[in-house]
Amino acid sequence: MLNFVARAFLYGKGVGNFEAEMEVNEARGRSLSNLQVWRKKGPVGKLHNVIVFIRITPQRREQFMNLFEIKDPDLLALLNLPPSSDTTPTEKNMVVRDNDTRWNSVYFMINRALERRPQIDNFTRYAETLEPDKRVPQENRLTEQDWLILTEIHNFLKPLYDLTIYMESRAPNAANGSL
């Protein structure tokens, strides 16, 4: 039931149609069509598209990770990044992409994105200095309102995620049953 509730909340009515459209586009090699389908899902879809954009090539992943190596306090202030001792780029700094298998991958994607919002915003601004085909498409850019909605979605999904973990047999003492 938790799965149904979370999927209905995230994708609304017709989640089966959404998934079928994605599968058809994948089978036909229409990745751009999938981006358009995701964009219809509001801020979650826009976030998905931004993360796909960042992770799609090794060069973009490297550019994103380079945002964690900035040591110059003036540049940190200019980019609106807080000084941090965690400036060594590691996989834990990379944004997480959701997958088609589990709704909680969307929760993980949003959770990491909220943690890495300054880097995502700065990556988007940095990409503006590149050639037009290497920029985050305007229609996928996350606005302040999008980030607020993503925060609310995260707040809604967190109890569902916590309950899922509580009910799993891997929970401490495995005494809560299994889903």
Protein backbone atom coordinates (compact mmCIF):
# COMPACT_ATOMS: atom_id res chain seq x y z
CA MET A 1 0.00 0.00 0.00
CA LEU A 2 2.84 2.39 0.76
CA ASN A 3 4.13 1.84 -2.76
CA PHE A 4 0.71 2.67 -4.26
CA VAL A 5 0.34 5.79 -2.14
CA ALA A 6 3.80 7.10 -3.01
CA ARG A 7 3.46 6.37 -6.73
CA ALA A 8 0.00 7.96 -6.89
CA PHE A 9 1.32 11.03 -5.07
CA LEU A 10 4.35 11.34 -7.37
CA TYR A 11 2.79 10.53 -10.72
CA GLY A 12 -0.94 11.05 -10.30
CA LYS A 13 -3.56 9.15 -12.24
CA GLY A 14 -2.42 7.08 -15.16
CA VAL A 15 0.97 6.10 -13.77
CA GLY A 16 0.78 3.00 -16.00
CA ASN A 17 0.36 5.21 -19.07
CA PHE A 18 3.32 7.34 -17.98
CA GLU A 19 5.51 4.25 -17.58
CA ALA A 20 4.33 2.79 -20.91
CA GLU A 21 5.11 6.02 -22.75
CA MET A 22 8.58 6.06 -21.21
CA GLU A 23 9.20 2.44 -22.26
CA VAL A 24 8.07 3.10 -25.84
CA ASN A 25 10.34 6.14 -26.09
CA GLU A 26 13.27 4.14 -24.67
CA ALA A 27 12.67 1.29 -27.12
CA ARG A 28 12.57 3.74 -30.02
CA GLY A 29 15.64 5.63 -28.84
CA ARG A 30 13.74 8.85 -28.19
CA SER A 31 15.50 10.17 -25.14
CA LEU A 32 14.42 13.75 -25.92
CA SER A 33 10.80 12.62 -25.88
CA ASN A 34 11.33 11.15 -22.42
CA LEU A 35 12.65 14.50 -21.21
CA GLN A 36 9.46 16.15 -22.45
CA VAL A 37 7.31 13.49 -20.76
CA TRP A 38 9.19 13.99 -17.49
CA ARG A 39 8.83 17.78 -17.75
CA LYS A 40 5.05 17.33 -17.54
CA LYS A 41 5.56 15.94 -14.01
CA GLY A 42 6.37 19.40 -12.67
CA PRO A 43 9.34 20.09 -10.39
CA VAL A 44 10.11 16.37 -9.91
CA GLY A 45 10.30 15.95 -13.68
CA LYS A 46 12.42 19.06 -14.09
CA LEU A 47 14.79 17.82 -11.37
CA HIS A 48 14.98 14.42 -13.06
CA ASN A 49 15.90 16.12 -16.35
CA VAL A 50 18.57 18.33 -14.72
CA ILE A 51 20.15 15.31 -13.04
CA VAL A 52 20.09 13.35 -16.31
CA PHE A 53 21.77 16.39 -17.92
CA ILE A 54 24.51 16.48 -15.26
CA ARG A 55 25.14 12.73 -15.23
CA ILE A 56 24.88 12.01 -18.96
CA THR A 57 28.58 12.50 -19.78
CA PRO A 58 31.78 12.10 -17.80
CA GLN A 59 32.69 15.69 -18.64
CA ARG A 60 29.51 17.08 -17.10
CA ARG A 61 29.89 14.90 -14.01
CA GLU A 62 33.44 16.21 -13.67
CA GLN A 63 32.28 19.81 -14.08
CA PHE A 64 29.67 19.26 -11.37
CA MET A 65 32.19 17.61 -9.04
CA ASN A 66 34.64 20.48 -9.59
CA LEU A 67 32.19 22.72 -7.72
CA PHE A 68 33.32 20.93 -4.53
CA GLU A 69 37.00 21.78 -5.00
CA ILE A 70 36.64 25.54 -4.77
CA LYS A 71 38.79 26.87 -1.94
CA ASP A 72 38.90 30.61 -2.75
CA PRO A 73 36.59 32.36 -0.21
CA ASP A 74 35.83 35.20 -2.65
CA LEU A 75 34.78 32.73 -5.35
CA LEU A 76 32.72 30.76 -2.82
CA ALA A 77 30.93 33.97 -1.87
CA LEU A 78 30.39 34.91 -5.52
CA LEU A 79 28.88 31.48 -6.26
CA ASN A 80 26.88 31.60 -3.02
CA LEU A 81 28.53 28.41 -1.72
CA PRO A 82 29.14 28.02 2.00
CA PRO A 83 32.69 27.36 3.13
CA SER A 84 32.95 23.71 3.92
CA SER A 85 35.50 21.18 4.99
CA ASP A 86 33.69 18.75 2.66
CA THR A 87 35.18 20.14 -0.54
CA THR A 88 36.84 16.97 -1.76
CA PRO A 89 34.78 15.61 -4.64
CA THR A 90 33.54 12.12 -3.87
CA GLU A 91 30.66 10.00 -5.11
CA LYS A 92 28.62 11.11 -2.07
CA ASN A 93 28.66 14.61 -3.56
CA MET A 94 27.20 13.48 -6.88
CA VAL A 95 23.51 13.94 -7.51
CA VAL A 96 21.46 10.74 -7.49
CA ARG A 97 19.24 9.77 -10.39
CA ASP A 98 15.95 8.03 -9.80
CA ASN A 99 15.12 4.73 -11.47
CA ASP A 100 12.00 3.10 -12.80
CA THR A 101 11.94 0.30 -10.27
CA ARG A 102 11.25 1.92 -6.91
CA TRP A 103 9.42 5.08 -5.86
CA ASN A 104 11.91 5.66 -3.08
CA SER A 105 14.60 6.34 -5.69
CA VAL A 106 12.70 9.58 -6.33
CA TYR A 107 12.89 10.28 -2.60
CA PHE A 108 16.66 9.68 -2.68
CA MET A 109 17.01 11.89 -5.77
CA ILE A 110 15.12 14.76 -4.11
CA ASN A 111 16.94 14.29 -0.81
CA ARG A 112 20.40 14.54 -2.41
CA ALA A 113 19.28 17.41 -4.65
CA LEU A 114 18.13 19.41 -1.62
CA GLU A 115 21.51 18.77 0.00
CA ARG A 116 23.30 19.82 -3.20
CA ARG A 117 21.03 22.66 -4.25
CA PRO A 118 23.81 25.29 -4.30
CA GLN A 119 25.94 23.10 -6.57
CA ILE A 120 22.99 22.31 -8.86
CA ASP A 121 22.09 26.00 -9.14
CA ASN A 122 25.72 26.94 -9.72
CA PHE A 123 26.19 24.19 -12.29
CA THR A 124 23.16 25.54 -14.14
CA ARG A 125 24.61 29.08 -14.02
CA TYR A 126 28.04 27.78 -15.10
CA ALA A 127 26.48 25.92 -18.05
CA GLU A 128 25.08 29.25 -19.23
CA THR A 129 28.64 30.25 -20.17
CA LEU A 130 28.92 27.28 -22.56
CA GLU A 131 27.67 26.82 -26.10
CA PRO A 132 23.86 26.66 -26.36
CA ASP A 133 23.74 22.87 -26.87
CA LYS A 134 25.66 22.37 -23.60
CA ARG A 135 23.31 24.42 -21.45
CA VAL A 136 20.56 23.14 -19.21
CA PRO A 137 17.41 23.73 -21.29
CA GLN A 138 15.48 26.75 -20.05
CA GLU A 139 12.31 24.72 -19.51
CA ASN A 140 14.18 22.37 -17.13
CA ARG A 141 15.72 25.02 -14.92
CA LEU A 142 14.54 24.87 -11.35
CA THR A 143 12.99 28.03 -9.95
CA GLU A 144 12.69 29.06 -6.31
CA GLN A 145 9.07 27.86 -6.41
CA ASP A 146 10.21 24.47 -7.81
CA TRP A 147 12.66 24.07 -4.92
CA LEU A 148 9.90 24.88 -2.41
CA ILE A 149 7.64 22.25 -3.98
CA LEU A 150 10.48 19.71 -3.99
CA THR A 151 10.97 20.40 -0.28
CA GLU A 152 7.27 19.77 0.37
CA ILE A 153 7.35 16.57 -1.70
CA HIS A 154 10.39 15.43 0.28
CA ASN A 155 8.56 16.19 3.54
CA PHE A 156 5.58 14.12 2.37
CA LEU A 157 7.68 11.15 1.19
CA LYS A 158 9.95 10.99 4.25
CA PRO A 159 7.38 9.36 6.58
CA LEU A 160 6.51 6.84 3.85
CA TYR A 161 10.18 6.03 3.45
CA ASP A 162 10.71 5.80 7.22
CA LEU A 163 7.72 3.47 7.54
CA THR A 164 8.99 1.32 4.68
CA ILE A 165 12.34 0.94 6.44
CA TYR A 166 10.59 0.22 9.74
CA MET A 167 8.53 -2.53 8.13
CA GLU A 168 11.40 -4.19 6.28
CA SER A 169 12.79 -7.33 7.79
CA ARG A 170 16.23 -5.67 7.74
CA ALA A 171 15.06 -3.19 10.36
CA PRO A 172 16.74 -3.41 13.78
CA ASN A 173 15.70 -6.65 15.46
CA ALA A 174 13.64 -7.56 12.35
CA ALA A 175 10.57 -7.66 14.56
CA ASN A 176 8.23 -5.51 12.52
CA GLY A 177 7.22 -7.90 9.78
CA SER A 178 8.18 -7.67 6.18
CA LEU A 179 6.85 -5.89 3.14
